[in-house]
Amino acid sequence: MNNHRLLTIERRIERIKAELAAIGDLRPGALTKQYKDPHSHSGPYYQLSYTLDRQSRTEYIRRQSIADIRRRVSNYKRFKKLCAQWIALGIEHSKLAMKLTARQGSVRGTHKP
């Protein structure tokens, strides 16, 4: 059972690596629409807020760049999600591999306390 799970994890990690390789340009942050006058919703503008090197930043985004920035932010979120999955699977794989190694060592009589 554990060997099967190890192979399943390894296959999923390979798929994650392929998905990561296919991700395009990245941009961290949140793109929001703001208004110069929020009560009347007049004077709309867009800003991108993000943190880099523990420093918060905000940039104004031109209207013609919004679609590109949305795509890049979406790519970044996908990148982060895939990395988190890879890390979780890596931890599970490591624990299972250690457990299998310990079990095989105790079966052979070479297990040392």
Protein backbone atom coordinates (compact mmCIF):
# COMPACT_ATOMS: atom_id res chain seq x y z
CA MET A 1 0.00 0.00 0.00
CA ASN A 2 2.70 2.48 0.96
CA ASN A 3 4.73 1.72 -2.17
CA HIS A 4 1.63 2.43 -4.25
CA ARG A 5 1.10 5.73 -2.41
CA LEU A 6 4.76 6.67 -2.99
CA LEU A 7 4.34 6.10 -6.73
CA THR A 8 1.10 8.10 -6.76
CA ILE A 9 2.84 10.99 -5.01
CA GLU A 10 5.78 10.85 -7.42
CA ARG A 11 3.44 10.95 -10.43
CA ARG A 12 1.53 13.91 -8.99
CA ILE A 13 4.79 15.78 -8.32
CA GLU A 14 5.84 15.21 -11.94
CA ARG A 15 2.49 16.62 -13.14
CA ILE A 16 2.95 19.64 -10.87
CA LYS A 17 6.44 20.23 -12.30
CA ALA A 18 5.00 20.12 -15.83
CA GLU A 19 2.23 22.56 -14.88
CA LEU A 20 4.78 24.91 -13.30
CA ALA A 21 6.90 24.81 -16.44
CA ALA A 22 3.88 25.84 -18.50
CA ILE A 23 2.95 28.86 -16.36
CA GLY A 24 3.58 32.16 -18.08
CA ASP A 25 4.64 35.49 -16.64
CA LEU A 26 4.00 36.10 -12.94
CA ARG A 27 3.01 39.09 -10.88
CA PRO A 28 2.20 38.95 -7.17
CA GLY A 29 -0.53 41.02 -5.63
CA ALA A 30 -4.15 42.01 -5.79
CA LEU A 31 -5.58 44.17 -8.54
CA THR A 32 -8.39 46.39 -7.34
CA LYS A 33 -10.59 49.06 -8.88
CA GLN A 34 -10.64 52.28 -6.89
CA TYR A 35 -12.54 55.55 -7.34
CA LYS A 36 -11.41 59.12 -6.86
CA ASP A 37 -14.92 59.76 -5.52
CA PRO A 38 -16.14 56.48 -4.01
CA HIS A 39 -19.63 57.83 -3.26
CA SER A 40 -20.48 58.63 -6.87
CA HIS A 41 -18.17 55.97 -8.33
CA SER A 42 -16.51 58.57 -10.52
CA GLY A 43 -12.89 58.68 -11.59
CA PRO A 44 -12.13 54.94 -11.62
CA TYR A 45 -8.54 53.75 -11.57
CA TYR A 46 -6.78 50.45 -10.88
CA GLN A 47 -4.03 49.66 -8.47
CA LEU A 48 -1.92 46.62 -7.79
CA SER A 49 -0.92 46.00 -4.17
CA TYR A 50 1.69 43.43 -3.21
CA THR A 51 4.47 42.66 -0.76
CA LEU A 52 8.01 41.98 -1.91
CA ASP A 53 11.00 41.51 0.38
CA ARG A 54 8.72 42.23 3.36
CA GLN A 55 7.90 45.65 1.93
CA SER A 56 4.37 46.57 0.92
CA ARG A 57 4.01 48.27 -2.44
CA THR A 58 1.21 49.76 -4.50
CA GLU A 59 1.34 50.60 -8.19
CA TYR A 60 -1.17 52.32 -10.42
CA ILE A 61 -2.09 50.25 -13.46
CA ARG A 62 -3.13 51.76 -16.79
CA ARG A 63 -6.45 50.65 -18.16
CA GLN A 64 -4.84 49.07 -21.26
CA SER A 65 -2.63 46.88 -19.03
CA ILE A 66 -5.39 45.48 -16.82
CA ALA A 67 -6.00 42.25 -18.78
CA ASP A 68 -2.27 41.45 -18.83
CA ILE A 69 -1.86 42.17 -15.11
CA ARG A 70 -4.93 40.03 -14.27
CA ARG A 71 -3.42 37.14 -16.22
CA ARG A 72 -0.05 37.53 -14.48
CA VAL A 73 -1.65 37.74 -11.02
CA SER A 74 -3.72 34.65 -11.80
CA ASN A 75 -0.57 32.83 -12.94
CA TYR A 76 1.15 33.81 -9.71
CA LYS A 77 -1.73 32.47 -7.60
CA ARG A 78 -1.62 29.21 -9.57
CA PHE A 79 2.17 29.07 -9.07
CA LYS A 80 1.82 29.49 -5.31
CA LYS A 81 -0.91 26.85 -5.11
CA LEU A 82 1.14 24.33 -7.08
CA CYS A 83 4.24 25.01 -4.97
CA ALA A 84 2.24 24.44 -1.78
CA GLN A 85 0.93 21.15 -3.18
CA TRP A 86 4.43 20.08 -4.18
CA ILE A 87 5.77 20.84 -0.71
CA ALA A 88 2.93 18.97 1.03
CA LEU A 89 3.42 15.97 -1.25
CA GLY A 90 7.18 16.10 -0.70
CA ILE A 91 6.70 15.98 3.06
CA GLU A 92 4.26 13.06 2.78
CA HIS A 93 6.64 11.24 0.42
CA SER A 94 9.57 11.74 2.76
CA LYS A 95 7.65 10.46 5.78
CA LEU A 96 6.40 7.39 3.91
CA ALA A 97 9.86 6.62 2.53
CA MET A 98 11.40 6.85 6.01
CA LYS A 99 8.67 4.62 7.42
CA LEU A 100 9.23 2.04 4.68
CA THR A 101 13.00 2.14 5.19
CA ALA A 102 12.60 1.67 8.94
CA ARG A 103 10.14 -1.18 8.43
CA GLN A 104 12.43 -2.92 5.92
CA GLY A 105 15.37 -2.54 8.29
CA SER A 106 13.45 -4.10 11.18
CA VAL A 107 12.27 -6.97 8.99
CA ARG A 108 15.87 -7.76 8.01
CA GLY A 109 16.99 -7.54 11.60
CA THR A 110 19.27 -4.57 10.98
CA HIS A 111 17.12 -2.05 12.78
CA LYS A 112 19.11 -0.15 15.39
CA PRO A 113 17.29 1.61 18.26
